[in-house]
């Protein structure tokens, strides 16, 4: 932290200052994703930033001091006005941003009517397997999460 230039290390993803020995690693920002089920229906939402017609599971960044579980409940309530229960781990994937890690869950619908959060959610709705909108790209954890839920 002395202000001298740092150099990349060959044996790990970090940089070190040769003057003071300070070592830094890349920042990782956790982001949560949750797919909500209501019987056979899946709650999918559309961000204004998505490719036209594409819907996905809900997602948001974890706040400092917040657990992943608390984030899933908070984001679902904030983004669409729905309460959830029975949060179940699905998996993780490094996200398209260089410092993010997407952590995905499934959950069951408890209550609430869908009310999209202005500026965050352009549209949201309950979709049956027979009437799905366009989904995210197959390489994404969102796609795998939705497909896994449909297979059950």
N, C-alpha and C. Protein backbone atom coordinates (compact mmCIF):
# COMPACT_ATOMS: atom_id res chain seq x y z
N UNK A 1 0.82 -1.19 0.00
CA UNK A 1 0.00 0.00 0.00
C UNK A 1 0.87 1.25 0.00
N UNK A 2 2.08 1.10 -0.48
CA UNK A 2 3.02 2.23 -0.46
C UNK A 2 2.93 3.08 -1.72
N UNK A 3 2.20 2.60 -2.74
CA UNK A 3 2.05 3.37 -3.97
C UNK A 3 2.97 2.95 -5.10
N UNK A 4 3.91 2.05 -4.84
CA UNK A 4 4.77 1.54 -5.91
C UNK A 4 3.96 0.62 -6.83
N UNK A 5 4.46 0.40 -8.01
CA UNK A 5 3.81 -0.48 -8.97
C UNK A 5 3.80 -1.92 -8.45
N UNK A 6 2.76 -2.66 -8.81
CA UNK A 6 2.67 -4.07 -8.45
C UNK A 6 2.97 -4.91 -9.67
N UNK A 7 3.28 -6.17 -9.44
CA UNK A 7 3.54 -7.08 -10.56
C UNK A 7 2.68 -8.33 -10.39
N UNK A 8 2.28 -8.89 -11.53
CA UNK A 8 1.49 -10.11 -11.52
C UNK A 8 2.37 -11.27 -11.07
N UNK A 9 1.82 -12.15 -10.26
CA UNK A 9 2.53 -13.34 -9.81
C UNK A 9 2.25 -14.48 -10.78
N UNK A 10 3.23 -15.33 -10.97
CA UNK A 10 3.09 -16.45 -11.91
C UNK A 10 2.31 -17.62 -11.34
N UNK A 11 2.32 -17.78 -10.01
CA UNK A 11 1.75 -18.98 -9.41
C UNK A 11 0.33 -18.80 -8.85
N UNK A 12 -0.24 -17.60 -8.94
CA UNK A 12 -1.62 -17.38 -8.51
C UNK A 12 -2.16 -16.09 -9.11
N UNK A 13 -3.46 -15.92 -9.03
CA UNK A 13 -4.12 -14.75 -9.61
C UNK A 13 -4.07 -13.58 -8.63
N UNK A 14 -2.89 -13.03 -8.46
CA UNK A 14 -2.74 -11.88 -7.58
C UNK A 14 -1.59 -11.00 -8.06
N UNK A 15 -1.45 -9.86 -7.41
CA UNK A 15 -0.35 -8.93 -7.71
C UNK A 15 0.34 -8.58 -6.40
N UNK A 16 1.65 -8.32 -6.48
CA UNK A 16 2.42 -8.00 -5.27
C UNK A 16 3.31 -6.79 -5.53
N UNK A 17 3.43 -5.97 -4.48
CA UNK A 17 4.34 -4.84 -4.51
C UNK A 17 5.69 -5.32 -3.98
N UNK A 18 6.74 -5.20 -4.79
CA UNK A 18 8.07 -5.63 -4.35
C UNK A 18 8.66 -4.69 -3.30
N UNK A 19 8.17 -3.45 -3.24
CA UNK A 19 8.70 -2.49 -2.28
C UNK A 19 8.23 -2.77 -0.85
N UNK A 20 6.92 -3.06 -0.68
CA UNK A 20 6.39 -3.24 0.69
C UNK A 20 5.81 -4.63 0.93
N UNK A 21 5.69 -5.45 -0.12
CA UNK A 21 5.18 -6.81 0.03
C UNK A 21 3.66 -6.94 0.01
N UNK A 22 2.97 -5.81 -0.11
CA UNK A 22 1.49 -5.86 -0.13
C UNK A 22 1.03 -6.69 -1.33
N UNK A 23 0.08 -7.59 -1.08
CA UNK A 23 -0.44 -8.47 -2.13
C UNK A 23 -1.95 -8.26 -2.24
N UNK A 24 -2.45 -8.21 -3.48
CA UNK A 24 -3.89 -8.03 -3.72
C UNK A 24 -4.40 -9.10 -4.66
N UNK A 25 -5.67 -9.46 -4.45
CA UNK A 25 -6.35 -10.45 -5.29
C UNK A 25 -7.53 -9.78 -5.97
N UNK A 26 -8.01 -10.35 -7.06
CA UNK A 26 -9.19 -9.77 -7.72
C UNK A 26 -10.40 -9.79 -6.80
N UNK A 27 -11.22 -8.79 -6.92
CA UNK A 27 -12.46 -8.70 -6.14
C UNK A 27 -13.48 -9.67 -6.74
N UNK A 28 -14.27 -10.28 -5.89
CA UNK A 28 -15.38 -11.13 -6.34
C UNK A 28 -16.65 -10.57 -5.71
N UNK A 29 -17.63 -10.26 -6.56
CA UNK A 29 -18.91 -9.73 -6.09
C UNK A 29 -19.97 -10.81 -6.24
N UNK A 30 -20.50 -11.33 -5.11
CA UNK A 30 -21.52 -12.38 -5.21
C UNK A 30 -22.86 -11.82 -5.68
N UNK A 31 -23.46 -12.53 -6.61
CA UNK A 31 -24.79 -12.19 -7.11
C UNK A 31 -25.66 -13.43 -6.98
N UNK A 32 -26.86 -13.26 -6.48
CA UNK A 32 -27.78 -14.37 -6.25
C UNK A 32 -28.78 -14.44 -7.38
N UNK A 33 -29.18 -15.66 -7.72
CA UNK A 33 -30.25 -15.90 -8.70
C UNK A 33 -31.22 -16.87 -8.06
N UNK A 34 -32.53 -16.62 -8.26
CA UNK A 34 -33.54 -17.54 -7.71
C UNK A 34 -34.65 -17.75 -8.73
N UNK A 35 -34.98 -19.02 -8.93
CA UNK A 35 -36.09 -19.41 -9.79
C UNK A 35 -37.23 -19.84 -8.88
N UNK A 36 -38.35 -19.14 -8.96
CA UNK A 36 -39.49 -19.39 -8.09
C UNK A 36 -40.48 -20.31 -8.81
N UNK A 37 -40.93 -21.35 -8.09
CA UNK A 37 -41.92 -22.32 -8.62
C UNK A 37 -43.25 -22.14 -7.90
N UNK A 38 -44.31 -22.30 -8.67
CA UNK A 38 -45.66 -22.35 -8.12
C UNK A 38 -46.36 -23.49 -8.83
N UNK A 39 -46.28 -24.67 -8.23
CA UNK A 39 -46.77 -25.87 -8.91
C UNK A 39 -45.92 -26.13 -10.14
N UNK A 40 -46.56 -26.20 -11.31
CA UNK A 40 -45.83 -26.41 -12.57
C UNK A 40 -45.31 -25.11 -13.17
N UNK A 41 -45.73 -23.98 -12.61
CA UNK A 41 -45.37 -22.69 -13.19
C UNK A 41 -44.04 -22.17 -12.64
N UNK A 42 -43.32 -21.45 -13.50
CA UNK A 42 -42.07 -20.81 -13.12
C UNK A 42 -42.25 -19.30 -13.23
N UNK A 43 -41.75 -18.57 -12.25
CA UNK A 43 -41.77 -17.11 -12.29
C UNK A 43 -40.54 -16.63 -13.05
N UNK A 44 -40.76 -16.05 -14.20
CA UNK A 44 -39.68 -15.52 -15.02
C UNK A 44 -39.91 -14.03 -15.23
N UNK A 45 -38.80 -13.30 -15.28
CA UNK A 45 -38.88 -11.84 -15.40
C UNK A 45 -37.98 -11.35 -16.51
N UNK A 46 -38.29 -10.16 -16.96
CA UNK A 46 -37.55 -9.54 -18.05
C UNK A 46 -36.95 -8.22 -17.60
N UNK A 47 -35.63 -8.14 -17.68
CA UNK A 47 -34.93 -6.89 -17.38
C UNK A 47 -34.93 -6.03 -18.64
N UNK A 48 -34.98 -4.72 -18.50
CA UNK A 48 -34.90 -3.86 -19.68
C UNK A 48 -33.54 -3.98 -20.39
N UNK A 49 -32.57 -4.60 -19.73
CA UNK A 49 -31.24 -4.75 -20.32
C UNK A 49 -31.09 -6.04 -21.11
N UNK A 50 -32.08 -6.93 -21.04
CA UNK A 50 -32.02 -8.21 -21.76
C UNK A 50 -32.25 -8.02 -23.25
N UNK A 51 -31.82 -8.99 -24.01
CA UNK A 51 -32.13 -9.05 -25.44
C UNK A 51 -33.66 -9.09 -25.56
N UNK A 52 -34.26 -8.44 -26.54
CA UNK A 52 -35.73 -8.42 -26.67
C UNK A 52 -36.34 -9.83 -26.61
N UNK A 53 -37.39 -9.96 -25.78
CA UNK A 53 -38.13 -11.21 -25.67
C UNK A 53 -37.60 -12.21 -24.67
N UNK A 54 -36.41 -11.97 -24.12
CA UNK A 54 -35.79 -12.93 -23.21
C UNK A 54 -36.24 -12.69 -21.77
N UNK A 55 -36.61 -13.79 -21.09
CA UNK A 55 -36.99 -13.78 -19.68
C UNK A 55 -36.05 -14.73 -18.94
N UNK A 56 -35.88 -14.47 -17.66
CA UNK A 56 -34.97 -15.30 -16.86
C UNK A 56 -35.45 -15.37 -15.42
N UNK A 57 -34.67 -16.06 -14.60
CA UNK A 57 -34.91 -16.10 -13.16
C UNK A 57 -34.56 -14.73 -12.57
N UNK A 58 -34.96 -14.47 -11.36
CA UNK A 58 -34.65 -13.21 -10.69
C UNK A 58 -33.21 -13.23 -10.22
N UNK A 59 -32.59 -12.06 -10.17
CA UNK A 59 -31.19 -11.99 -9.74
C UNK A 59 -30.89 -10.63 -9.14
N UNK A 60 -29.87 -10.61 -8.30
CA UNK A 60 -29.42 -9.35 -7.72
C UNK A 60 -28.15 -9.54 -6.92
N UNK A 61 -27.47 -8.45 -6.66
CA UNK A 61 -26.22 -8.51 -5.92
C UNK A 61 -26.46 -8.62 -4.42
N UNK A 62 -25.61 -9.38 -3.77
CA UNK A 62 -25.66 -9.56 -2.33
C UNK A 62 -25.12 -8.28 -1.68
N UNK A 63 -25.86 -7.76 -0.72
CA UNK A 63 -25.44 -6.55 0.01
C UNK A 63 -24.39 -6.92 1.06
N UNK A 64 -23.51 -5.98 1.43
CA UNK A 64 -22.54 -6.26 2.48
C UNK A 64 -23.23 -6.70 3.77
N UNK A 65 -22.75 -7.79 4.36
CA UNK A 65 -23.31 -8.31 5.60
C UNK A 65 -24.56 -9.16 5.42
N UNK A 66 -25.02 -9.34 4.19
CA UNK A 66 -26.24 -10.09 3.92
C UNK A 66 -25.89 -11.53 3.53
N UNK A 67 -26.68 -12.49 3.99
CA UNK A 67 -26.48 -13.88 3.58
C UNK A 67 -27.09 -14.07 2.19
N UNK A 68 -26.68 -15.14 1.53
CA UNK A 68 -27.28 -15.46 0.22
C UNK A 68 -28.77 -15.70 0.36
N UNK A 69 -29.16 -16.40 1.43
CA UNK A 69 -30.56 -16.70 1.65
C UNK A 69 -31.38 -15.43 1.86
N UNK A 70 -30.86 -14.52 2.67
CA UNK A 70 -31.57 -13.26 2.90
C UNK A 70 -31.66 -12.46 1.61
N UNK A 71 -30.61 -12.49 0.80
CA UNK A 71 -30.62 -11.80 -0.49
C UNK A 71 -31.71 -12.37 -1.40
N UNK A 72 -31.84 -13.68 -1.44
CA UNK A 72 -32.86 -14.31 -2.29
C UNK A 72 -34.25 -13.84 -1.90
N UNK A 73 -34.53 -13.81 -0.61
CA UNK A 73 -35.84 -13.36 -0.13
C UNK A 73 -36.05 -11.87 -0.41
N UNK A 74 -35.04 -11.05 -0.13
CA UNK A 74 -35.14 -9.60 -0.34
C UNK A 74 -35.33 -9.26 -1.81
N UNK A 75 -34.47 -9.82 -2.67
CA UNK A 75 -34.55 -9.50 -4.10
C UNK A 75 -35.88 -9.93 -4.71
N UNK A 76 -36.38 -11.10 -4.31
CA UNK A 76 -37.65 -11.58 -4.85
C UNK A 76 -38.78 -10.64 -4.44
N UNK A 77 -38.78 -10.23 -3.19
CA UNK A 77 -39.82 -9.32 -2.72
C UNK A 77 -39.69 -7.95 -3.39
N UNK A 78 -38.47 -7.43 -3.48
CA UNK A 78 -38.26 -6.11 -4.09
C UNK A 78 -38.58 -6.11 -5.59
N UNK A 79 -38.10 -7.12 -6.30
CA UNK A 79 -38.22 -7.10 -7.76
C UNK A 79 -39.61 -7.43 -8.27
N UNK A 80 -40.33 -8.32 -7.57
CA UNK A 80 -41.66 -8.72 -8.08
C UNK A 80 -42.75 -8.77 -7.02
N UNK A 81 -42.46 -8.46 -5.75
CA UNK A 81 -43.48 -8.44 -4.72
C UNK A 81 -43.96 -9.80 -4.26
N UNK A 82 -43.13 -10.82 -4.42
CA UNK A 82 -43.51 -12.20 -4.10
C UNK A 82 -42.68 -12.70 -2.92
N UNK A 83 -43.33 -13.44 -2.04
CA UNK A 83 -42.64 -14.09 -0.90
C UNK A 83 -42.37 -15.55 -1.26
N UNK A 84 -41.21 -16.04 -0.80
CA UNK A 84 -40.78 -17.39 -1.14
C UNK A 84 -40.44 -18.18 0.12
N UNK A 85 -40.32 -19.51 -0.05
CA UNK A 85 -39.89 -20.41 1.03
C UNK A 85 -39.17 -21.59 0.39
N UNK A 86 -38.59 -22.44 1.24
CA UNK A 86 -37.92 -23.67 0.80
C UNK A 86 -36.82 -23.40 -0.23
N UNK A 87 -35.95 -22.50 0.10
CA UNK A 87 -34.82 -22.16 -0.78
C UNK A 87 -33.91 -23.37 -0.92
N UNK A 88 -33.58 -23.74 -2.17
CA UNK A 88 -32.74 -24.90 -2.46
C UNK A 88 -31.58 -24.51 -3.36
N UNK A 89 -30.38 -24.92 -2.97
CA UNK A 89 -29.16 -24.64 -3.72
C UNK A 89 -29.21 -25.32 -5.08
N UNK A 90 -28.75 -24.63 -6.13
CA UNK A 90 -28.64 -25.22 -7.46
C UNK A 90 -27.19 -25.31 -7.91
N UNK A 91 -26.49 -24.20 -7.94
CA UNK A 91 -25.10 -24.21 -8.39
C UNK A 91 -24.58 -22.80 -8.57
N UNK A 92 -23.35 -22.70 -9.09
CA UNK A 92 -22.73 -21.39 -9.27
C UNK A 92 -22.01 -21.32 -10.61
N UNK A 93 -21.74 -20.09 -11.03
CA UNK A 93 -21.03 -19.85 -12.29
C UNK A 93 -20.41 -18.45 -12.24
N UNK A 94 -19.17 -18.35 -12.69
CA UNK A 94 -18.61 -17.02 -12.87
C UNK A 94 -19.49 -16.31 -13.89
N UNK A 95 -19.83 -15.07 -13.61
CA UNK A 95 -20.79 -14.36 -14.43
C UNK A 95 -20.08 -13.54 -15.49
N UNK A 96 -20.82 -12.99 -16.40
CA UNK A 96 -20.25 -12.26 -17.54
C UNK A 96 -19.38 -11.08 -17.13
N UNK A 97 -19.62 -10.52 -15.96
CA UNK A 97 -18.77 -9.43 -15.49
C UNK A 97 -17.51 -10.06 -14.88
N UNK A 98 -16.37 -9.45 -15.04
CA UNK A 98 -15.13 -10.11 -14.62
C UNK A 98 -14.98 -10.33 -13.13
N UNK A 99 -15.77 -9.67 -12.29
CA UNK A 99 -15.60 -9.83 -10.85
C UNK A 99 -16.83 -10.40 -10.15
N UNK A 100 -17.73 -11.05 -10.89
CA UNK A 100 -18.96 -11.54 -10.28
C UNK A 100 -19.03 -13.05 -10.24
N UNK A 101 -19.72 -13.56 -9.24
CA UNK A 101 -19.97 -14.98 -9.11
C UNK A 101 -21.47 -15.15 -8.88
N UNK A 102 -22.15 -15.83 -9.82
CA UNK A 102 -23.59 -16.05 -9.72
C UNK A 102 -23.85 -17.31 -8.90
N UNK A 103 -24.70 -17.21 -7.88
CA UNK A 103 -25.03 -18.30 -6.97
C UNK A 103 -26.53 -18.54 -7.11
N UNK A 104 -26.91 -19.71 -7.64
CA UNK A 104 -28.30 -19.94 -8.04
C UNK A 104 -29.06 -20.87 -7.10
N UNK A 105 -30.34 -20.54 -6.92
CA UNK A 105 -31.25 -21.29 -6.06
C UNK A 105 -32.58 -21.50 -6.76
N UNK A 106 -33.34 -22.45 -6.23
CA UNK A 106 -34.76 -22.61 -6.55
C UNK A 106 -35.51 -22.34 -5.27
N UNK A 107 -36.75 -21.87 -5.39
CA UNK A 107 -37.59 -21.63 -4.21
C UNK A 107 -39.04 -21.85 -4.58
N UNK A 108 -39.86 -22.00 -3.56
CA UNK A 108 -41.29 -22.18 -3.76
C UNK A 108 -42.03 -20.88 -3.46
N UNK A 109 -43.04 -20.60 -4.25
CA UNK A 109 -43.92 -19.45 -4.06
C UNK A 109 -44.70 -19.62 -2.76
N UNK A 110 -44.84 -18.53 -1.99
CA UNK A 110 -45.64 -18.53 -0.78
C UNK A 110 -46.84 -17.60 -0.94
N UNK A 111 -46.58 -16.34 -1.34
CA UNK A 111 -47.68 -15.38 -1.45
C UNK A 111 -47.24 -14.17 -2.26
N UNK A 112 -48.24 -13.36 -2.60
CA UNK A 112 -47.99 -12.10 -3.28
C UNK A 112 -48.39 -12.12 -4.73
N UNK A 113 -48.78 -10.95 -5.20
CA UNK A 113 -49.09 -10.76 -6.62
C UNK A 113 -47.88 -10.12 -7.28
N UNK A 114 -47.62 -10.49 -8.49
CA UNK A 114 -46.46 -9.95 -9.21
C UNK A 114 -46.66 -8.46 -9.46
N UNK A 115 -45.71 -7.67 -8.94
CA UNK A 115 -45.66 -6.24 -9.19
C UNK A 115 -44.21 -5.93 -9.56
N UNK A 116 -43.92 -5.79 -10.87
CA UNK A 116 -42.54 -5.54 -11.29
C UNK A 116 -41.97 -4.24 -10.72
N UNK A 117 -40.75 -4.30 -10.24
CA UNK A 117 -40.06 -3.13 -9.70
C UNK A 117 -39.67 -2.19 -10.85
N UNK A 118 -40.16 -0.97 -10.81
CA UNK A 118 -39.88 0.01 -11.85
C UNK A 118 -38.37 0.21 -12.02
N UNK A 119 -37.94 0.22 -13.26
CA UNK A 119 -36.53 0.43 -13.57
C UNK A 119 -35.69 -0.83 -13.52
N UNK A 120 -36.16 -1.86 -12.81
CA UNK A 120 -35.42 -3.12 -12.69
C UNK A 120 -36.05 -4.23 -13.52
N UNK A 121 -37.37 -4.32 -13.44
CA UNK A 121 -38.09 -5.41 -14.10
C UNK A 121 -39.10 -4.81 -15.08
N UNK A 122 -38.93 -5.13 -16.35
CA UNK A 122 -39.81 -4.63 -17.39
C UNK A 122 -41.13 -5.40 -17.42
N UNK A 123 -41.05 -6.71 -17.16
CA UNK A 123 -42.22 -7.57 -17.16
C UNK A 123 -41.88 -8.84 -16.40
N UNK A 124 -42.88 -9.46 -15.81
CA UNK A 124 -42.69 -10.73 -15.10
C UNK A 124 -44.00 -11.49 -15.16
N UNK A 125 -43.92 -12.81 -15.09
CA UNK A 125 -45.13 -13.60 -15.11
C UNK A 125 -44.86 -15.06 -14.79
N UNK A 126 -45.96 -15.79 -14.61
CA UNK A 126 -45.90 -17.23 -14.37
C UNK A 126 -45.99 -17.93 -15.72
N UNK A 127 -45.07 -18.85 -15.97
CA UNK A 127 -45.01 -19.55 -17.26
C UNK A 127 -45.06 -21.06 -17.03
N UNK A 128 -45.85 -21.74 -17.83
CA UNK A 128 -45.90 -23.20 -17.80
C UNK A 128 -44.86 -23.74 -18.76
N UNK A 129 -44.48 -25.00 -18.62
CA UNK A 129 -43.50 -25.59 -19.54
C UNK A 129 -43.94 -25.51 -21.00
N UNK A 130 -45.24 -25.50 -21.24
CA UNK A 130 -45.74 -25.47 -22.62
C UNK A 130 -45.75 -24.07 -23.21
N UNK A 131 -45.63 -23.05 -22.40
CA UNK A 131 -45.73 -21.67 -22.87
C UNK A 131 -44.59 -20.81 -22.35
N UNK A 132 -43.36 -21.24 -22.62
CA UNK A 132 -42.19 -20.49 -22.16
C UNK A 132 -41.84 -19.37 -23.13
N UNK A 133 -41.35 -18.26 -22.59
CA UNK A 133 -40.82 -17.20 -23.45
C UNK A 133 -39.41 -17.59 -23.91
N UNK A 134 -38.75 -16.70 -24.62
CA UNK A 134 -37.34 -16.93 -24.96
C UNK A 134 -36.53 -16.95 -23.67
N UNK A 135 -35.56 -17.86 -23.61
CA UNK A 135 -34.73 -18.02 -22.41
C UNK A 135 -33.32 -17.50 -22.64
N UNK A 136 -32.55 -17.31 -21.57
CA UNK A 136 -31.15 -16.89 -21.70
C UNK A 136 -30.35 -17.91 -22.51
N UNK A 137 -29.15 -17.56 -22.88
CA UNK A 137 -28.31 -18.44 -23.70
C UNK A 137 -27.99 -19.74 -22.97
N UNK A 138 -27.84 -20.84 -23.71
CA UNK A 138 -27.60 -22.16 -23.11
C UNK A 138 -26.34 -22.25 -22.24
N UNK A 139 -25.39 -21.39 -22.43
CA UNK A 139 -24.17 -21.42 -21.62
C UNK A 139 -24.33 -20.80 -20.25
N UNK A 140 -25.47 -20.19 -19.98
CA UNK A 140 -25.66 -19.48 -18.72
C UNK A 140 -26.23 -20.39 -17.63
N UNK A 141 -25.94 -20.06 -16.39
CA UNK A 141 -26.51 -20.81 -15.28
C UNK A 141 -28.02 -20.61 -15.22
N UNK A 142 -28.50 -19.46 -15.66
CA UNK A 142 -29.95 -19.20 -15.69
C UNK A 142 -30.65 -20.23 -16.58
N UNK A 143 -30.09 -20.48 -17.74
CA UNK A 143 -30.67 -21.47 -18.66
C UNK A 143 -30.66 -22.86 -18.03
N UNK A 144 -29.53 -23.23 -17.44
CA UNK A 144 -29.42 -24.56 -16.81
C UNK A 144 -30.38 -24.69 -15.64
N UNK A 145 -30.55 -23.64 -14.86
CA UNK A 145 -31.47 -23.64 -13.72
C UNK A 145 -32.91 -23.84 -14.21
N UNK A 146 -33.30 -23.12 -15.23
CA UNK A 146 -34.67 -23.24 -15.76
C UNK A 146 -34.89 -24.62 -16.36
N UNK A 147 -33.94 -25.10 -17.15
CA UNK A 147 -34.07 -26.43 -17.77
C UNK A 147 -34.13 -27.53 -16.72
N UNK A 148 -33.33 -27.43 -15.67
CA UNK A 148 -33.35 -28.44 -14.59
C UNK A 148 -34.71 -28.45 -13.90
N UNK A 149 -35.28 -27.27 -13.67
CA UNK A 149 -36.59 -27.19 -13.04
C UNK A 149 -37.66 -27.80 -13.93
N UNK A 150 -37.56 -27.58 -15.23
CA UNK A 150 -38.53 -28.15 -16.17
C UNK A 150 -38.43 -29.67 -16.25
N UNK A 151 -37.24 -30.20 -16.02
CA UNK A 151 -37.04 -31.64 -16.11
C UNK A 151 -37.62 -32.39 -14.91
N UNK A 152 -37.93 -31.68 -13.82
CA UNK A 152 -38.47 -32.33 -12.62
C UNK A 152 -39.97 -32.43 -12.68
